[in-house]
Protein backbone atom coordinates (compact mmCIF):
# COMPACT_ATOMS: atom_id res chain seq x y z
CA MET A 1 -0.06 0.02 0.19
CA THR A 2 1.40 3.37 -0.99
CA GLY A 3 0.23 4.69 2.51
CA LEU A 4 3.06 3.10 4.22
CA ALA A 5 5.51 4.49 2.05
CA ALA A 6 6.80 6.95 4.74
CA LYS A 7 9.94 5.66 6.58
CA CYS A 8 8.69 3.10 9.43
CA ALA A 9 9.07 4.40 13.14
CA GLU A 10 9.71 1.90 15.84
CA THR A 11 6.51 2.29 16.92
CA ALA A 12 2.81 1.96 15.16
CA VAL A 13 0.17 3.92 17.03
CA LEU A 14 -2.97 1.86 15.71
CA ILE A 15 -6.21 4.11 16.63
CA VAL A 16 -9.68 3.01 15.58
CA GLY A 17 -12.06 5.23 14.93
CA TYR A 18 -16.65 5.90 14.45
CA ASN A 19 -17.59 9.21 14.69
CA ASN A 20 -15.91 10.66 17.58
CA ALA A 21 -13.51 13.07 16.02
CA GLU A 22 -13.28 14.67 19.37
CA ASP A 23 -12.15 11.61 21.11
CA ILE A 24 -8.85 11.37 18.55
CA LEU A 25 -8.45 15.19 18.66
CA HIS A 26 -7.75 15.13 22.21
CA CYS A 27 -5.80 11.56 22.08
CA LEU A 28 -3.62 12.72 19.18
CA ALA A 29 -3.25 16.33 21.05
CA ALA A 30 -1.71 14.00 23.89
CA LEU A 31 0.51 11.89 21.53
CA SER A 32 2.34 15.17 20.38
CA ARG A 33 3.68 15.80 23.88
CA ALA A 34 4.83 11.95 24.26
CA ALA A 35 8.35 12.05 24.95
CA ALA A 36 11.16 12.27 21.89
CA SER A 37 12.00 8.54 22.39
CA PRO A 38 10.62 5.88 20.90
CA ARG A 39 9.63 7.35 17.94
CA PHE A 40 6.20 6.78 16.31
CA ASN A 41 3.90 6.88 13.35
CA ILE A 42 0.13 7.00 13.72
CA PHE A 43 -2.54 4.77 11.88
CA ILE A 44 -6.17 5.90 12.17
CA CYS A 45 -9.07 3.62 10.63
CA GLU A 46 -12.16 5.51 10.31
CA ASN A 47 -15.46 3.04 10.70
CA GLY A 48 -17.88 5.78 10.46
CA GLY A 49 -18.00 6.35 7.12
CA ARG A 50 -16.69 8.91 4.59
CA ALA A 51 -18.68 11.88 6.14
CA ALA A 52 -16.67 10.89 9.57
CA TYR A 53 -13.47 10.28 7.70
CA ASP A 54 -14.01 14.24 6.21
CA GLN A 55 -15.12 15.11 9.31
CA LEU A 56 -11.83 13.88 11.12
CA THR A 57 -9.38 15.24 8.24
CA SER A 58 -10.77 18.90 8.53
CA ARG A 59 -10.43 19.19 12.51
CA LEU A 60 -7.44 17.63 12.49
CA VAL A 61 -6.11 20.47 10.43
CA ALA A 62 -8.34 22.97 11.14
CA ASP A 63 -7.65 22.91 15.03
CA GLY A 64 -3.94 22.97 13.74
CA LEU A 65 -3.16 19.94 15.24
CA CYS A 66 -2.10 18.63 11.96
CA ILE A 67 -0.54 19.40 8.25
CA ASP A 68 -2.64 17.83 5.74
CA ILE A 69 0.20 16.08 3.17
CA GLY A 70 -2.37 15.07 0.67
CA PRO A 71 -4.35 11.68 -0.45
CA ILE A 72 -2.78 9.02 -0.84
CA GLU A 73 -3.21 5.82 -2.48
CA ALA A 74 -5.52 3.70 -1.03
CA SER A 75 -6.22 -0.19 -1.04
CA ALA A 76 -8.79 -2.50 0.47
CA PRO A 77 -10.31 -2.21 3.15
CA PHE A 78 -9.99 1.45 2.40
CA VAL A 79 -11.69 3.38 -0.07
CA GLU A 80 -9.76 6.60 0.36
CA ALA A 81 -6.66 7.35 2.55
CA ARG A 82 -4.84 10.46 3.37
CA ARG A 83 -1.07 11.70 4.95
CA LEU A 84 -0.97 14.08 7.34
CA ILE A 85 1.67 14.85 10.16
CA LEU A 86 1.51 16.15 13.83
CA ARG A 87 2.33 19.56 13.74
CA ASP A 88 4.76 19.56 16.79
CA ARG A 89 6.51 16.55 16.29
CA ASP A 90 7.89 14.62 13.30
CA ALA A 91 5.57 11.84 13.43
CA ALA A 92 3.44 10.55 10.21
CA VAL A 93 -0.48 10.49 10.47
CA THR A 94 -1.80 8.14 8.10
CA LEU A 95 -5.69 8.26 8.05
CA GLY A 96 -7.66 5.51 6.16
CA CYS A 97 -11.52 5.72 5.50
CA ALA A 98 -12.80 1.72 5.55
CA ARG A 99 -15.29 0.80 2.90
CA SER A 100 -17.84 -0.17 6.28
CA ASN A 101 -17.81 -0.42 9.50
CA LEU A 102 -14.82 -3.14 10.07
CA GLY A 103 -15.52 -3.25 14.04
CA TYR A 104 -12.59 -2.82 16.55
CA ALA A 105 -10.34 -6.09 15.71
CA GLY A 106 -11.09 -5.31 11.80
CA GLY A 107 -9.92 -1.52 12.31
CA VAL A 108 -6.90 -2.65 14.13
CA ASN A 109 -5.74 -5.20 11.43
CA ALA A 110 -6.37 -3.32 8.56
CA TRP A 111 -3.75 -1.30 9.24
CA LEU A 112 -1.67 -4.08 10.89
CA ARG A 113 -1.70 -6.58 7.92
CA PRO A 114 0.23 -4.29 4.96
CA LEU A 115 2.25 -3.47 8.30
CA MET A 116 3.81 -6.90 8.64
CA ASN A 117 5.18 -6.71 5.00
CA ARG A 118 6.91 -3.82 6.33
CA GLU A 119 10.56 -3.82 8.25
CA GLY A 120 11.69 -1.37 10.64
CA TRP A 121 8.82 -1.12 13.40
CA LYS A 122 9.33 -3.35 16.59
CA GLY A 123 5.95 -3.29 18.07
CA ALA A 124 2.16 -1.87 17.70
CA TRP A 125 0.65 0.22 19.99
CA ILE A 126 -2.86 -0.43 20.48
CA LEU A 127 -4.98 2.70 21.60
CA ASN A 128 -8.67 3.66 22.22
CA PRO A 129 -9.22 6.62 20.53
CA ASP A 130 -11.30 7.57 23.75
CA ALA A 131 -7.55 7.53 25.58
CA GLU A 132 -5.22 10.22 26.73
CA PRO A 133 -1.73 8.82 27.30
CA ALA A 134 0.54 10.60 29.17
CA PRO A 135 4.16 11.37 27.82
CA ASP A 136 6.01 8.39 28.81
CA ALA A 137 3.18 5.99 28.32
CA LEU A 138 4.50 4.38 25.32
CA ALA A 139 8.16 4.59 26.78
CA ALA A 140 7.31 2.34 29.61
CA LEU A 141 5.65 -0.05 27.55
CA VAL A 142 8.50 -0.64 25.48
CA ALA A 143 10.64 -0.12 28.22
CA ARG A 144 8.54 -3.32 30.23
CA ALA A 145 8.32 -5.74 26.72
CA GLU A 146 12.18 -5.08 26.21
CA THR A 147 13.85 -5.63 29.96
CA GLY A 148 10.62 -8.30 31.11
CA GLY A 149 11.02 -10.13 27.77
CA LYS A 150 7.18 -9.73 27.34
CA GLY A 151 5.02 -10.11 23.96
CA MET A 152 2.14 -7.90 25.02
CA VAL A 153 2.09 -5.06 28.01
CA GLY A 154 -0.63 -3.17 29.45
CA SER A 155 -0.78 0.40 30.99
CA THR A 156 -2.06 2.06 34.41
CA ILE A 157 -5.28 2.89 32.77
CA LEU A 158 -7.40 5.50 35.39
CA GLU A 159 -10.94 5.43 36.11
CA ALA A 160 -12.59 8.13 33.75
CA GLY A 161 -12.95 11.30 34.83
CA SER A 162 -10.21 10.97 37.94
CA ALA A 163 -6.08 11.52 37.60
CA GLU A 164 -6.04 9.30 40.90
CA VAL A 165 -8.00 6.14 40.70
CA ILE A 166 -7.24 3.24 38.67
CA ARG A 167 -9.53 1.52 36.27
CA PHE A 168 -6.84 -1.41 35.23
CA ARG A 169 -3.54 -2.26 36.76
CA GLY A 170 -2.31 -3.44 33.13
CA GLY A 171 -5.61 -5.23 32.03
CA LEU A 172 -8.34 -8.35 32.95
CA ARG A 173 -8.15 -11.72 34.35
CA TRP A 174 -11.02 -13.91 33.32
CA ARG A 175 -12.36 -15.71 36.36
CA LYS A 176 -13.17 -19.50 34.85
CA LEU A 177 -15.53 -20.78 37.52
CA SER A 178 -17.78 -17.74 37.47
CA THR A 179 -17.09 -17.33 33.59
CA ARG A 180 -15.99 -13.40 33.36
CA CYS A 181 -13.51 -11.15 33.59
CA VAL A 182 -12.22 -8.86 36.33
CA ALA A 183 -10.17 -5.57 36.48
CA LEU A 184 -6.98 -6.02 37.88
CA GLY A 185 -6.35 -3.05 40.88
CA LEU A 186 -10.06 -1.72 40.37
CA GLY A 187 -10.39 1.11 42.81
CA ASP A 188 -6.50 1.37 43.74
CA ARG A 189 -5.07 4.83 44.31
CA LEU A 190 -2.62 5.77 41.64
CA ASP A 191 0.15 5.82 44.38
CA ALA A 192 -0.69 2.87 45.94
CA ALA A 193 1.73 0.17 46.47
CA PHE A 194 1.26 -3.21 44.05
CA ASP A 195 3.04 -6.91 43.03
CA LEU A 196 4.15 -6.52 39.72
CA ALA A 197 4.87 -10.19 39.41
CA ALA A 198 1.52 -11.22 41.11
CA ILE A 199 -0.46 -9.10 38.52
CA GLU A 200 1.15 -10.02 35.77
CA GLY A 201 0.67 -13.60 36.90
CA ALA A 202 -2.77 -13.32 37.07
CA MET A 203 -3.22 -11.16 33.75
CA ASP A 204 -4.77 -12.58 30.72
CA SER A 205 -4.61 -9.82 28.59
CA PRO A 206 -3.49 -6.03 28.61
CA SER A 207 -6.38 -3.93 28.68
CA GLY A 208 -7.78 -3.05 25.26
CA ALA A 209 -7.69 0.67 25.96
CA SER A 210 -3.77 0.30 26.05
CA MET A 211 -2.40 -2.28 24.89
CA TYR A 212 1.68 -2.74 23.29
CA VAL A 213 2.37 -5.86 21.47
CA THR A 214 5.78 -6.35 20.25
CA ARG A 215 6.11 -7.46 16.00
CA ARG A 216 7.48 -11.11 17.26
CA CYS A 217 4.21 -11.70 19.30
CA ILE A 218 1.99 -10.73 16.12
CA GLU A 219 4.01 -12.86 13.74
CA GLN A 220 3.52 -15.89 15.93
CA ILE A 221 0.07 -15.48 17.49
CA GLY A 222 -1.53 -13.99 14.47
CA LEU A 223 -3.41 -10.46 14.22
CA MET A 224 -6.82 -9.92 16.64
CA ASP A 225 -9.64 -11.99 15.73
CA ASP A 226 -11.95 -9.67 12.98
CA ALA A 227 -15.04 -12.48 13.70
CA TYR A 228 -15.64 -10.76 17.11
CA PHE A 229 -16.32 -7.50 15.44
CA LEU A 230 -16.76 -5.52 19.33
CA PHE A 231 -15.87 -7.00 22.91
CA PHE A 232 -13.44 -9.73 23.67
CA GLU A 233 -11.39 -9.23 20.80
CA ASP A 234 -8.28 -7.85 23.39
CA LEU A 235 -9.23 -10.45 26.01
CA ASP A 236 -8.76 -13.17 23.23
CA TRP A 237 -5.79 -11.64 21.73
CA GLY A 238 -4.49 -11.51 25.14
CA VAL A 239 -4.60 -15.15 26.01
CA ARG A 240 -3.56 -16.50 23.05
CA ALA A 241 -0.14 -14.39 23.98
CA LYS A 242 0.06 -15.58 27.35
CA LYS A 243 2.84 -18.18 26.34
CA LEU A 244 4.77 -15.44 25.07
CA GLY A 245 4.72 -12.86 28.60
CA LEU A 246 2.52 -10.64 29.76
CA GLY A 247 3.74 -7.63 31.39
CA TYR A 248 2.37 -4.38 33.47
CA ALA A 249 4.12 -1.32 32.43
CA SER A 250 3.26 1.02 36.04
CA ALA A 251 4.19 4.23 34.58
CA SER A 252 2.40 3.92 31.25
CA VAL A 253 -0.42 5.87 32.16
CA VAL A 254 -3.46 6.81 30.28
CA ALA A 255 -6.69 8.15 31.05
CA HIS A 256 -9.73 7.14 29.21
CA LYS A 257 -13.18 8.18 28.99
CA ARG A 258 -15.10 4.80 28.56
CA GLY A 259 -17.93 4.19 26.44
CA THR A 260 -17.47 6.70 23.70
CA THR A 261 -16.42 4.42 20.86
CA THR A 262 -19.35 2.41 21.18
CA GLY A 263 -21.83 5.42 21.82
CA SER A 264 -22.95 4.00 25.64
CA ALA A 265 -21.51 7.17 27.42
CA GLU A 266 -23.61 9.76 25.46
CA ARG A 267 -26.89 7.72 26.55
CA GLY A 268 -25.93 7.90 30.07
CA GLN A 269 -28.19 5.15 30.47
CA GLY A 270 -25.76 2.10 30.09
CA LEU A 271 -24.63 0.01 27.66
CA SER A 272 -26.07 -0.07 23.78
CA LYS A 273 -28.21 -2.90 22.26
CA LEU A 274 -25.54 -3.51 20.17
CA ALA A 275 -23.16 -3.42 22.57
CA VAL A 276 -25.55 -6.12 25.55
CA TYR A 277 -25.67 -8.53 22.17
CA LEU A 278 -22.23 -8.41 21.34
CA GLN A 279 -20.95 -8.87 24.67
CA HIS A 280 -23.03 -11.99 25.40
CA ARG A 281 -22.61 -13.44 22.08
CA ASN A 282 -18.82 -13.11 22.30
CA ALA A 283 -18.68 -14.46 25.78
CA ILE A 284 -20.01 -17.46 24.39
CA HIS A 285 -17.70 -17.41 21.69
CA PHE A 286 -14.36 -16.74 23.81
CA VAL A 287 -15.94 -19.36 26.33
CA ARG A 288 -16.20 -22.34 23.47
CA ARG A 289 -12.71 -21.13 21.79
CA HIS A 290 -10.64 -21.08 25.65
CA TYR A 291 -12.62 -22.95 28.40
CA PRO A 292 -15.04 -24.83 26.77
CA TRP A 293 -15.55 -27.21 29.66
CA SER A 294 -17.37 -23.96 31.62
CA LEU A 295 -19.97 -23.26 28.17
CA PRO A 296 -23.23 -24.16 30.48
CA VAL A 297 -22.12 -21.37 33.33
CA ARG A 298 -21.81 -19.31 30.75
CA VAL A 299 -25.04 -19.72 29.03
CA ALA A 300 -26.48 -19.32 32.59
CA LEU A 301 -24.61 -16.58 33.51
CA SER A 302 -26.65 -14.89 30.37
CA LEU A 303 -29.49 -15.98 31.45
CA ALA A 304 -29.06 -14.36 34.65
CA PHE A 305 -28.13 -11.20 33.15
CA ALA A 306 -31.09 -10.94 31.31
CA LEU A 307 -33.49 -11.80 33.90
CA ARG A 308 -31.79 -8.95 35.73
CA PHE A 309 -32.24 -6.54 32.56
CA LEU A 310 -35.97 -7.76 33.08
CA LEU A 311 -36.36 -6.60 36.71
CA ARG A 312 -34.63 -3.29 36.23
CA ARG A 313 -37.05 -2.74 33.40
CA ALA A 314 -34.91 -2.62 30.53
CA PRO A 315 -36.67 -5.12 28.68
CA ASP A 316 -34.51 -4.04 25.21
CA SER A 317 -31.25 -5.37 27.10
CA CYS A 318 -33.26 -8.34 28.45
CA MET A 319 -33.94 -9.30 24.64
CA ALA A 320 -30.28 -8.08 23.40
CA ALA A 321 -28.59 -10.25 25.97
CA LEU A 322 -30.87 -13.40 25.20
CA ALA A 323 -30.78 -13.15 21.48
CA GLY A 324 -26.63 -12.37 21.87
CA ALA A 325 -26.33 -15.95 24.14
CA ALA A 326 -28.38 -17.55 21.40
CA ALA A 327 -26.54 -16.15 18.33
CA GLY A 328 -23.20 -17.47 19.92
CA LEU A 329 -24.34 -20.85 20.62
CA ARG A 330 -25.44 -20.92 16.95
CA GLY A 331 -21.87 -19.86 16.23
CA GLU A 332 -22.71 -16.46 14.44
CA TRP A 333 -19.34 -13.55 14.33
CA GLY A 334 -19.16 -10.90 12.78
CA ALA A 335 -21.60 -7.66 12.30
CA PRO A 336 -24.87 -8.44 13.35
CA ASP A 337 -27.32 -8.00 10.43
CA TRP A 338 -29.94 -6.15 11.53
CA SER A 339 -26.96 -3.55 13.24
CA ARG A 340 -26.02 -2.73 9.30
CA PRO A 341 -27.37 0.55 8.44
CA ARG A 342 -30.10 0.62 5.08
């Protein structure tokens, strides 16, 4: 792809957007303040269509964050692409307009696939568009991967709206008996003591809000699984990478708004119908793939969630949980047909 013609930096920063230009502006503004080393280039997949792509491009330039170099040749799955550079540092920003909503893993893989054919980069930093990393966040991730021999490394993710309370220390732990995730370090203070070995030993995946993956790891385990579309793709990738080592870089601090990528945050009424559906469908897929003996427990948990939604007078969420679990049992993958624009 001509869009990758720029000289490769040590790290490829991968961001997937969906009609959230404001979030991406804040994210790139934070990246423009990053430490001088390691060098990075940014690759953005806009999943929200041509209008969202045009709006993001114009905002990046109009707000003075980027200089527009111009359009570049695009190839599948992009219908259009262009090159920009951050105004305040030597970092290229390559923006691609996806032909359709590829989902989160699909948006990440849209850039990873061509990058795998390029030399020079050592790792990829998967970063949510509503994340705002501290200046040393990337340097800390790379240092932990290199000194600790880790294939994947997670950050310290702050609770939404807080500068002191932690949402994730590194990432997630999957409880096999109860078939659900727990956030490591949830509620800890930023300055609280912690046991690095215990956290890394318990981790099943870095948080998808900020995960650094070495090139060697990707070459051995493959790309994210596009079929999840949204939710569980990061956990699935992390479990596959455990044999290569999962790490936690405590000094990699990342603020995260949470929910703006899926649109649930702006509703103020919990997750959307699509989010509930995909969480329950993909949980079935994840369990069947990695811990098949616990599938009956996971099905029972989805039924319990559906009942709780019903008792809380949320019938749409109840039906979405039931439909998602049923779709998972039927083996359905990707974006559900009813969620696609008509």
